[in-house]
Amino acid sequence: MSLFDDAFKNIKDTVDYGLRLISDEEIRLGVTGLSRGGKSAFITSLVNLVSKFGDSEVSPYLSRFKAYTRGDIIYGGIARPRDLSIGSFPYNEAISSLYGEPAVWPKATDNVSEIRLALKVKNKSWYSSKPYDLYLDIWDYPGEWLMDLMLLEKNYEEFSNTVKEHLNRIGTVASAKNWIEAVNQLDPDAPLNEIALSKAVSLYKEWLINCKQQGFAFIVPGRFVLPGNLLGAPILEFIPWLGKEVQNPNSNNTLYAELRARYEAYRKQVVQKFYEDCFSKLDRQIVLIDCLRALKGGRENFFDVNATLDILMNNFNYGSSNFLTRLFAPKIDKVMFAATKADLVTNDNHQNLRMLLTSLVNQAQSRVLGEGGHTEFAVISSIRATQCKHLKNKNFDGQVLLTDYEDDGAFFPGTVPQRWSPENMEFFSETVLFKGC
């Protein structure tokens, strides 16, 4: 009898879940962003805002949220997670860090986590006036792991060629001389030499870390710089092959064969699982982009982010959604591209920042629209660290930024260009300070 009860309960839960998906009472939101793009800060801010629905202090931040301003949403808060096997997003730790004395940024994400929000919404249907629950499932993950999604459709040779093309674009500012020299000392047709390979892998990891520190988005494989629970695992001991020509690529028991085998194991056992856990069933997506960091990094950084986003967006399923696709073949039907850290520029530069964002994600947006999805753009600041004021004196007349620290003077961070140009790549370098204002 208990087996029958369990089976019946599982069927009921599945049906209930499907009905919630069909009626838009359960939404799976993918917060997509590269490393240092602000995912954790955004999720923390969103949870904090939802948890304070009804408080007068949050109303100014929700003026464009029509469902809230109309009074359709009665309550918001954190709900019991749907999947108890996935780590919980550390919201309490993150918000405590931000409200601490002194305030500090939340710890960087080092693993996959989830948080579920519940909204109590007024029911406007003709057959019932009882409020219903709208659930919003959000995942957080290291941005370093995101780029690995490009490996899903690439074999080892294609992966190696992609790294080679990337190196040709950025080699002048992020030299790969050390690990290339180590690779050239390896014989792909000889048996595996673990010591020699380990040296080359270490140098490749150092190069990836250097690229990350310089602001490049293409960090692949991402687990090489943030291994998580794979630290020290042999599955991370491989490199793209940019060395000597391989004479016998299909031979067994060679260095090349082992590199290819480890890459395939990484792609299928690590990347595929990551995709299935976090991205395979998304309904909506917000793509967070630090345009200012990309702009300040110069030509290579800016176009690296552009190309990386285009490759990345190719690994999601976009298109219009209906009740069948929601159940059996989920597609992302709405995407918002958001320029983050808007508090680093004055309010009168937000429109330029929006236009810069549009130019940066032009190819990615075309991909979404081409598959039948809907896109929007926004300029946001998850955590506002400055205030914008108008300053007028004999030397300056315009908007400036202020922090909450008394020792900091007002400052003008510069003008954001509407599109990237070499002349404006260092727009922060012209910051003007106004001490005592």
Protein backbone atom coordinates (compact mmCIF):
# COMPACT_ATOMS: atom_id res chain seq x y z
CA MET A 1 0.00 0.00 0.00
CA SER A 2 2.83 2.38 0.82
CA LEU A 3 4.45 1.76 -2.58
CA PHE A 4 1.15 2.64 -4.25
CA ASP A 5 0.84 5.78 -2.13
CA ASP A 6 4.39 6.85 -2.99
CA ALA A 7 3.82 6.27 -6.69
CA PHE A 8 0.54 8.20 -6.60
CA LYS A 9 2.21 11.08 -4.74
CA ASN A 10 5.04 11.24 -7.32
CA ILE A 11 2.54 11.34 -10.17
CA LYS A 12 0.50 14.03 -8.40
CA ASP A 13 3.62 16.13 -7.72
CA THR A 14 4.65 15.85 -11.37
CA VAL A 15 1.22 16.86 -12.62
CA ASP A 16 1.01 19.76 -10.15
CA TYR A 17 4.46 20.94 -11.23
CA GLY A 18 3.44 20.77 -14.88
CA LEU A 19 0.26 22.73 -14.25
CA ARG A 20 2.22 25.46 -12.44
CA LEU A 21 4.59 25.71 -15.41
CA ILE A 22 1.76 25.92 -17.92
CA SER A 23 -0.06 28.65 -15.97
CA ASP A 24 3.15 30.62 -15.35
CA GLU A 25 2.92 29.98 -11.61
CA GLU A 26 6.47 28.62 -11.59
CA ILE A 27 9.21 30.50 -13.44
CA ARG A 28 12.78 29.34 -13.80
CA LEU A 29 15.01 32.40 -14.12
CA GLY A 30 18.56 32.10 -15.39
CA VAL A 31 20.84 34.84 -14.11
CA THR A 32 23.61 34.66 -16.67
CA GLY A 33 26.83 36.59 -16.27
CA LEU A 34 30.54 36.28 -16.82
CA SER A 35 33.01 36.34 -13.95
CA ARG A 36 32.73 39.57 -11.91
CA GLY A 37 29.56 40.50 -13.76
CA GLY A 38 27.59 40.92 -10.53
CA LYS A 39 25.40 37.78 -10.40
CA SER A 40 25.60 37.22 -6.64
CA ALA A 41 25.06 40.92 -5.91
CA PHE A 42 22.04 40.96 -8.21
CA ILE A 43 20.48 37.88 -6.62
CA THR A 44 21.12 39.23 -3.11
CA SER A 45 19.54 42.56 -4.04
CA LEU A 46 16.55 40.88 -5.69
CA VAL A 47 15.89 38.62 -2.70
CA ASN A 48 16.21 41.58 -0.32
CA LEU A 49 13.73 43.60 -2.39
CA VAL A 50 11.19 40.80 -2.70
CA SER A 51 11.41 40.06 1.02
CA LYS A 52 10.43 43.68 1.74
CA PHE A 53 7.39 43.85 -0.52
CA GLY A 54 4.84 45.98 1.29
CA ASP A 55 7.40 48.20 3.01
CA SER A 56 7.22 51.86 2.04
CA GLU A 57 11.01 52.10 1.81
CA VAL A 58 11.16 49.85 -1.24
CA SER A 59 8.36 51.51 -3.22
CA PRO A 60 10.66 54.02 -4.98
CA TYR A 61 12.67 51.13 -6.41
CA LEU A 62 9.56 49.44 -7.87
CA SER A 63 7.98 52.30 -9.78
CA ARG A 64 8.25 50.40 -13.08
CA PHE A 65 7.03 47.09 -11.64
CA LYS A 66 3.40 47.46 -12.69
CA ALA A 67 2.14 44.32 -10.96
CA TYR A 68 3.45 45.69 -7.67
CA THR A 69 2.28 49.29 -8.08
CA ARG A 70 -1.22 48.05 -9.02
CA GLY A 71 -1.34 46.10 -5.78
CA ASP A 72 -1.53 42.72 -7.49
CA ILE A 73 1.30 41.31 -5.36
CA ILE A 74 0.37 40.79 -1.71
CA TYR A 75 3.53 39.21 -0.29
CA GLY A 76 7.04 38.14 -1.21
CA GLY A 77 9.63 36.02 0.55
CA ILE A 78 12.00 33.08 0.47
CA ALA A 79 10.31 29.71 -0.05
CA ARG A 80 11.35 26.15 0.73
CA PRO A 81 13.70 24.97 -2.05
CA ARG A 82 12.29 22.66 -4.66
CA ASP A 83 15.45 20.55 -4.94
CA LEU A 84 16.92 19.73 -1.53
CA SER A 85 20.03 18.18 -3.10
CA ILE A 86 21.34 21.55 -4.35
CA GLY A 87 23.12 23.96 -2.03
CA SER A 88 21.15 27.00 -0.88
CA PHE A 89 22.19 30.45 -2.04
CA PRO A 90 23.88 32.08 1.01
CA TYR A 91 21.53 35.06 1.17
CA ASN A 92 21.77 35.65 4.93
CA GLU A 93 25.58 35.67 4.80
CA ALA A 94 25.62 37.99 1.79
CA ILE A 95 23.18 40.52 3.22
CA SER A 96 24.98 40.47 6.59
CA SER A 97 28.24 41.31 4.82
CA LEU A 98 26.67 44.27 3.07
CA TYR A 99 25.11 45.65 6.26
CA GLY A 100 28.18 44.96 8.38
CA GLU A 101 30.52 47.55 9.89
CA PRO A 102 32.52 47.95 7.82
CA ALA A 103 30.45 46.75 4.90
CA VAL A 104 32.17 44.20 2.66
CA TRP A 105 31.20 42.58 -0.60
CA PRO A 106 29.76 39.05 -0.35
CA LYS A 107 32.16 36.18 -0.88
CA ALA A 108 32.74 35.13 -4.47
CA THR A 109 30.63 32.22 -5.66
CA ASP A 110 32.53 28.94 -5.71
CA ASN A 111 29.78 26.40 -6.40
CA VAL A 112 26.25 25.98 -7.69
CA SER A 113 23.45 27.15 -5.39
CA GLU A 114 19.72 27.83 -5.67
CA ILE A 115 17.12 30.01 -4.04
CA ARG A 116 13.35 29.96 -4.49
CA LEU A 117 11.18 33.04 -4.03
CA ALA A 118 7.44 32.94 -3.45
CA LEU A 119 5.07 35.75 -4.39
CA LYS A 120 1.45 35.81 -3.23
CA VAL A 121 -0.51 37.20 -6.19
CA LYS A 122 -4.12 38.34 -6.45
CA ASN A 123 -6.25 36.03 -8.56
CA LYS A 124 -8.24 37.85 -11.26
CA SER A 125 -9.76 34.79 -12.87
CA TRP A 126 -13.56 34.57 -13.17
CA TYR A 127 -13.76 31.25 -11.34
CA SER A 128 -11.73 32.04 -8.21
CA SER A 129 -10.69 35.01 -6.11
CA LYS A 130 -8.25 33.06 -3.94
CA PRO A 131 -4.66 34.41 -4.23
CA TYR A 132 -2.16 32.03 -5.78
CA ASP A 133 1.56 31.46 -5.24
CA LEU A 134 4.04 32.40 -7.97
CA TYR A 135 7.41 30.70 -7.51
CA LEU A 136 10.66 32.05 -8.92
CA ASP A 137 13.62 29.66 -8.99
CA ILE A 138 17.06 31.26 -9.32
CA TRP A 139 20.46 29.58 -9.58
CA ASP A 140 23.84 31.07 -8.78
CA TYR A 141 27.15 29.64 -9.99
CA PRO A 142 30.74 30.75 -10.60
CA GLY A 143 30.97 32.89 -13.71
CA GLU A 144 34.20 31.09 -14.53
CA TRP A 145 32.19 27.93 -15.21
CA LEU A 146 29.78 29.61 -17.60
CA MET A 147 32.10 29.71 -20.59
CA ASP A 148 32.46 25.94 -20.48
CA LEU A 149 29.03 25.73 -22.11
CA MET A 150 30.73 26.42 -25.43
CA LEU A 151 32.44 23.03 -25.09
CA LEU A 152 29.15 21.11 -25.27
CA GLU A 153 29.21 21.02 -29.06
CA LYS A 154 32.97 20.95 -29.58
CA ASN A 155 35.25 17.93 -29.88
CA TYR A 156 38.85 18.12 -28.72
CA GLU A 157 40.18 19.34 -32.06
CA GLU A 158 37.56 22.08 -32.27
CA PHE A 159 38.32 23.13 -28.70
CA SER A 160 42.02 23.40 -29.54
CA ASN A 161 41.30 25.48 -32.66
CA THR A 162 39.02 27.81 -30.68
CA VAL A 163 41.78 28.47 -28.14
CA LYS A 164 44.25 29.06 -30.98
CA GLU A 165 41.94 31.62 -32.60
CA HIS A 166 41.45 33.37 -29.25
CA LEU A 167 45.21 33.44 -28.67
CA ASN A 168 45.73 35.05 -32.06
CA ARG A 169 43.33 37.86 -31.01
CA ILE A 170 44.81 38.65 -27.60
CA GLY A 171 48.36 37.34 -27.74
CA THR A 172 49.85 40.82 -27.87
CA VAL A 173 48.44 41.72 -24.45
CA ALA A 174 48.22 38.30 -22.78
CA SER A 175 51.30 36.36 -23.82
CA ALA A 176 51.07 32.58 -23.81
CA LYS A 177 54.78 32.13 -24.45
CA ASN A 178 55.50 30.00 -21.35
CA TRP A 179 52.84 27.34 -21.81
CA ILE A 180 53.31 27.22 -25.59
CA GLU A 181 57.02 26.51 -25.06
CA ALA A 182 56.12 23.73 -22.61
CA VAL A 183 53.67 22.22 -25.12
CA ASN A 184 56.27 22.32 -27.89
CA GLN A 185 58.50 20.10 -25.76
CA LEU A 186 55.83 17.39 -25.68
CA ASP A 187 55.54 14.59 -28.25
CA PRO A 188 51.86 13.92 -29.00
CA ASP A 189 52.60 10.48 -30.45
CA ALA A 190 54.71 9.32 -27.48
CA PRO A 191 53.31 7.64 -24.35
CA LEU A 192 51.93 9.92 -21.64
CA ASN A 193 54.53 11.57 -19.41
CA GLU A 194 52.55 12.81 -16.39
CA ILE A 195 55.35 15.03 -15.04
CA ALA A 196 55.90 16.87 -18.33
CA LEU A 197 52.15 17.21 -18.93
CA SER A 198 51.57 18.51 -15.39
CA LYS A 199 54.09 21.30 -16.02
CA ALA A 200 52.34 22.33 -19.23
CA VAL A 201 48.93 22.23 -17.54
CA SER A 202 50.17 24.41 -14.68
CA LEU A 203 51.51 27.00 -17.12
CA TYR A 204 48.24 26.95 -19.07
CA LYS A 205 46.31 27.57 -15.84
CA GLU A 206 48.64 30.47 -15.00
CA TRP A 207 47.89 31.97 -18.41
CA LEU A 208 44.13 31.65 -17.87
CA ILE A 209 44.41 33.32 -14.45
CA ASN A 210 46.42 36.14 -16.03
CA CYS A 211 43.76 36.56 -18.72
CA LYS A 212 41.07 36.72 -16.03
CA GLN A 213 43.00 39.38 -14.09
CA GLN A 214 43.25 41.45 -17.27
CA GLY A 215 39.48 41.32 -17.70
CA PHE A 216 39.13 38.83 -20.54
CA ALA A 217 35.92 36.81 -20.67
CA PHE A 218 37.22 33.78 -22.56
CA ILE A 219 38.47 31.59 -19.70
CA VAL A 220 38.17 27.97 -20.86
CA PRO A 221 38.02 25.50 -19.22
CA GLY A 222 36.57 27.50 -16.35
CA ARG A 223 37.31 24.85 -13.72
CA PHE A 224 41.01 25.39 -14.32
CA VAL A 225 40.83 28.70 -12.45
CA LEU A 226 38.05 27.71 -10.03
CA PRO A 227 38.05 23.89 -9.70
CA GLY A 228 35.57 23.58 -6.83
CA ASN A 229 35.29 19.96 -5.75
CA LEU A 230 37.49 18.88 -8.69
CA LEU A 231 40.68 20.30 -7.18
CA GLY A 232 43.50 17.87 -7.95
CA ALA A 233 41.31 15.57 -10.06
CA PRO A 234 42.97 14.00 -13.15
CA ILE A 235 39.99 15.14 -15.23
CA LEU A 236 41.49 18.67 -15.09
CA GLU A 237 44.90 17.53 -16.32
CA PHE A 238 44.63 18.35 -20.02
CA ILE A 239 45.42 21.24 -22.35
CA PRO A 240 44.38 22.32 -25.85
CA TRP A 241 46.85 21.00 -28.39
CA LEU A 242 48.80 23.79 -30.08
CA GLY A 243 52.07 21.89 -30.35
CA LYS A 244 53.71 19.65 -32.94
CA GLU A 245 51.66 18.08 -35.71
CA VAL A 246 50.07 14.83 -34.62
CA GLN A 247 51.12 11.95 -36.86
CA ASN A 248 48.75 9.32 -35.49
CA PRO A 249 45.69 11.09 -34.00
CA ASN A 250 43.69 7.86 -33.77
CA SER A 251 46.33 5.80 -31.98
CA ASN A 252 45.78 4.62 -28.43
CA ASN A 253 48.20 4.90 -25.51
CA THR A 254 49.67 8.21 -26.66
CA LEU A 255 49.78 11.61 -25.02
CA TYR A 256 47.36 12.99 -27.62
CA ALA A 257 44.89 10.15 -27.07
CA GLU A 258 44.97 10.75 -23.32
CA LEU A 259 44.44 14.51 -23.74
CA ARG A 260 41.45 13.87 -25.95
CA ALA A 261 40.02 11.29 -23.54
CA ARG A 262 40.35 13.61 -20.54
CA TYR A 263 38.77 16.47 -22.46
CA GLU A 264 35.81 14.28 -23.47
CA ALA A 265 35.38 13.13 -19.86
CA TYR A 266 35.40 16.78 -18.72
CA ARG A 267 32.89 17.80 -21.39
CA LYS A 268 30.44 14.99 -20.68
CA GLN A 269 30.80 14.45 -16.93
CA VAL A 270 31.35 18.04 -15.76
CA VAL A 271 30.04 20.51 -18.36
CA GLN A 272 26.98 18.51 -19.41
CA LYS A 273 25.94 18.02 -15.77
CA PHE A 274 26.42 21.72 -15.08
CA TYR A 275 24.22 22.60 -18.04
CA GLU A 276 21.49 20.16 -17.05
CA ASP A 277 21.49 21.36 -13.43
CA CYS A 278 21.40 25.09 -14.14
CA PHE A 279 20.33 25.92 -17.68
CA SER A 280 18.47 23.17 -19.53
CA LYS A 281 14.99 24.10 -18.22
CA LEU A 282 15.06 27.89 -18.11
CA ASP A 283 11.99 29.98 -18.97
CA ARG A 284 13.43 33.50 -18.66
CA GLN A 285 16.95 34.87 -18.65
CA ILE A 286 18.72 38.02 -17.50
CA VAL A 287 22.22 38.54 -18.91
CA LEU A 288 24.36 40.76 -16.67
CA ILE A 289 27.21 42.57 -18.42
CA ASP A 290 29.85 44.85 -16.94
CA CYS A 291 30.14 47.15 -19.96
CA LEU A 292 32.32 49.64 -18.10
CA ARG A 293 34.95 47.03 -17.30
CA ALA A 294 34.94 45.82 -20.89
CA LEU A 295 35.25 49.40 -22.14
CA LYS A 296 38.09 50.30 -19.83
CA GLY A 297 40.02 47.16 -20.77
CA GLY A 298 40.66 48.42 -24.27
CA ARG A 299 40.06 47.03 -27.74
CA GLU A 300 41.00 43.42 -27.00
CA ASN A 301 38.83 43.24 -23.87
CA PHE A 302 35.82 44.84 -25.50
CA PHE A 303 35.76 42.61 -28.56
CA ASP A 304 36.64 39.57 -26.45
CA VAL A 305 33.47 40.12 -24.39
CA ASN A 306 31.47 40.68 -27.57
CA ALA A 307 32.67 37.47 -29.22
CA THR A 308 32.36 35.49 -25.99
CA LEU A 309 28.74 36.51 -25.46
CA ASP A 310 27.88 35.54 -29.01
CA ILE A 311 29.38 32.07 -28.53
CA LEU A 312 27.75 31.72 -25.13
CA MET A 313 24.22 32.58 -26.27
CA ASN A 314 24.45 29.83 -28.85
CA ASN A 315 24.19 27.27 -26.05
CA PHE A 316 20.70 28.21 -24.84
CA ASN A 317 17.33 27.30 -26.29
CA TYR A 318 15.37 30.39 -27.33
CA GLY A 319 11.98 30.81 -28.90
CA SER A 320 8.31 31.42 -28.24
CA SER A 321 6.89 29.19 -25.54
CA ASN A 322 3.59 27.35 -25.16
CA PHE A 323 2.21 24.78 -22.74
CA LEU A 324 3.84 21.84 -24.58
CA THR A 325 7.32 23.39 -24.73
CA ARG A 326 7.09 24.44 -21.09
CA LEU A 327 6.59 20.78 -20.15
CA PHE A 328 8.69 18.82 -22.63
CA ALA A 329 11.14 21.15 -24.42
CA PRO A 330 11.66 24.32 -22.35
CA LYS A 331 12.68 27.43 -24.23
CA ILE A 332 13.71 30.86 -23.02
CA ASP A 333 11.11 33.21 -24.46
CA LYS A 334 12.20 36.45 -22.77
CA VAL A 335 15.75 37.77 -22.31
CA MET A 336 16.84 40.97 -20.59
CA PHE A 337 20.34 42.30 -21.23
CA ALA A 338 21.39 44.48 -18.29
CA ALA A 339 24.40 46.77 -17.95
CA THR A 340 25.50 46.44 -14.33
CA LYS A 341 27.25 48.81 -11.91
CA ALA A 342 25.41 51.86 -13.23
CA ASP A 343 26.23 53.67 -9.99
CA LEU A 344 29.77 54.14 -11.33
CA VAL A 345 28.56 56.76 -13.81
CA THR A 346 26.33 59.82 -13.46
CA ASN A 347 22.61 59.59 -14.24
CA ASP A 348 22.92 61.62 -17.43
CA ASN A 349 25.24 58.91 -18.79
CA HIS A 350 22.79 56.04 -18.28
CA GLN A 351 21.30 56.41 -21.76
CA ASN A 352 24.79 56.26 -23.28
CA LEU A 353 25.51 53.18 -21.17
CA ARG A 354 22.33 51.58 -22.49
CA MET A 355 23.37 52.30 -26.07
CA LEU A 356 26.85 50.95 -25.37
CA LEU A 357 25.24 47.76 -24.04
CA THR A 358 23.12 47.49 -27.18
CA SER A 359 26.17 47.75 -29.43
CA LEU A 360 28.07 45.24 -27.30
CA VAL A 361 25.41 42.51 -27.47
CA ASN A 362 24.21 43.17 -31.00
CA GLN A 363 25.13 39.70 -32.27
CA ALA A 364 23.77 37.95 -29.19
CA GLN A 365 20.48 39.85 -29.43
CA SER A 366 20.13 38.95 -33.11
CA ARG A 367 20.51 35.29 -32.20
CA VAL A 368 17.69 35.46 -29.64
CA LEU A 369 15.36 37.38 -31.95
CA GLY A 370 16.16 35.07 -34.84
CA GLU A 371 14.93 32.09 -32.82
CA GLY A 372 11.67 33.79 -31.86
CA GLY A 373 12.58 35.15 -28.42
CA HIS A 374 11.86 38.60 -27.00
CA THR A 375 14.62 40.93 -25.73
CA GLU A 376 14.77 44.00 -23.52
CA PHE A 377 17.57 46.22 -22.23
CA ALA A 378 18.16 47.77 -18.81
CA VAL A 379 20.77 49.77 -16.92
CA ILE A 380 20.93 48.64 -13.29
CA SER A 381 22.89 48.87 -10.08
CA SER A 382 22.19 45.95 -7.76
CA ILE A 383 23.94 47.71 -4.87
CA ARG A 384 24.16 51.48 -5.09
CA ALA A 385 27.46 52.72 -3.73
CA THR A 386 27.18 56.35 -4.87
CA GLN A 387 24.71 59.22 -5.09
CA CYS A 388 24.40 61.49 -8.08
CA LYS A 389 24.24 65.26 -7.49
CA HIS A 390 24.48 68.38 -9.61
CA LEU A 391 27.56 70.51 -8.96
CA LYS A 392 28.11 74.03 -10.24
CA ASN A 393 31.17 76.18 -9.62
CA LYS A 394 33.51 78.32 -11.67
CA ASN A 395 35.28 75.27 -13.13
CA PHE A 396 32.46 72.74 -13.48
CA ASP A 397 28.72 72.62 -14.12
CA GLY A 398 27.21 69.15 -14.29
CA GLN A 399 26.46 65.92 -12.48
CA VAL A 400 28.98 64.31 -10.11
CA LEU A 401 29.04 61.28 -7.83
CA LEU A 402 29.33 61.13 -4.04
CA THR A 403 29.97 58.20 -1.71
CA ASP A 404 28.83 57.85 1.91
CA TYR A 405 32.37 58.42 3.19
CA GLU A 406 32.95 61.93 4.46
CA ASP A 407 36.60 61.96 3.41
CA ASP A 408 35.68 61.33 -0.24
CA GLY A 409 35.09 64.35 -2.39
CA ALA A 410 32.63 64.61 -5.25
CA PHE A 411 34.00 63.22 -8.49
CA PHE A 412 33.13 63.15 -12.16
CA PRO A 413 33.93 59.70 -13.60
CA GLY A 414 33.92 60.74 -17.23
CA THR A 415 31.52 60.39 -20.13
CA VAL A 416 30.38 57.01 -21.41
CA PRO A 417 30.52 56.78 -25.21
CA GLN A 418 27.48 55.50 -27.05
CA ARG A 419 29.69 53.03 -28.89
CA TRP A 420 33.16 51.71 -28.28
CA SER A 421 36.03 53.65 -29.83
CA PRO A 422 39.82 53.64 -29.25
CA GLU A 423 39.68 57.25 -28.07
CA ASN A 424 37.31 56.36 -25.23
CA MET A 425 38.70 53.04 -24.05
CA GLU A 426 40.15 54.65 -20.91
CA PHE A 427 37.19 56.83 -20.04
CA PHE A 428 37.77 56.50 -16.31
CA SER A 429 41.32 57.84 -16.58
CA GLU A 430 40.02 61.39 -16.88
CA THR A 431 38.18 61.33 -13.53
CA VAL A 432 37.98 64.80 -11.99
CA LEU A 433 37.86 65.07 -8.18
CA PHE A 434 36.25 67.93 -6.26
CA LYS A 435 37.56 67.83 -2.71
CA GLY A 436 35.46 69.41 -0.02
CA CYS A 437 32.19 69.29 -1.99
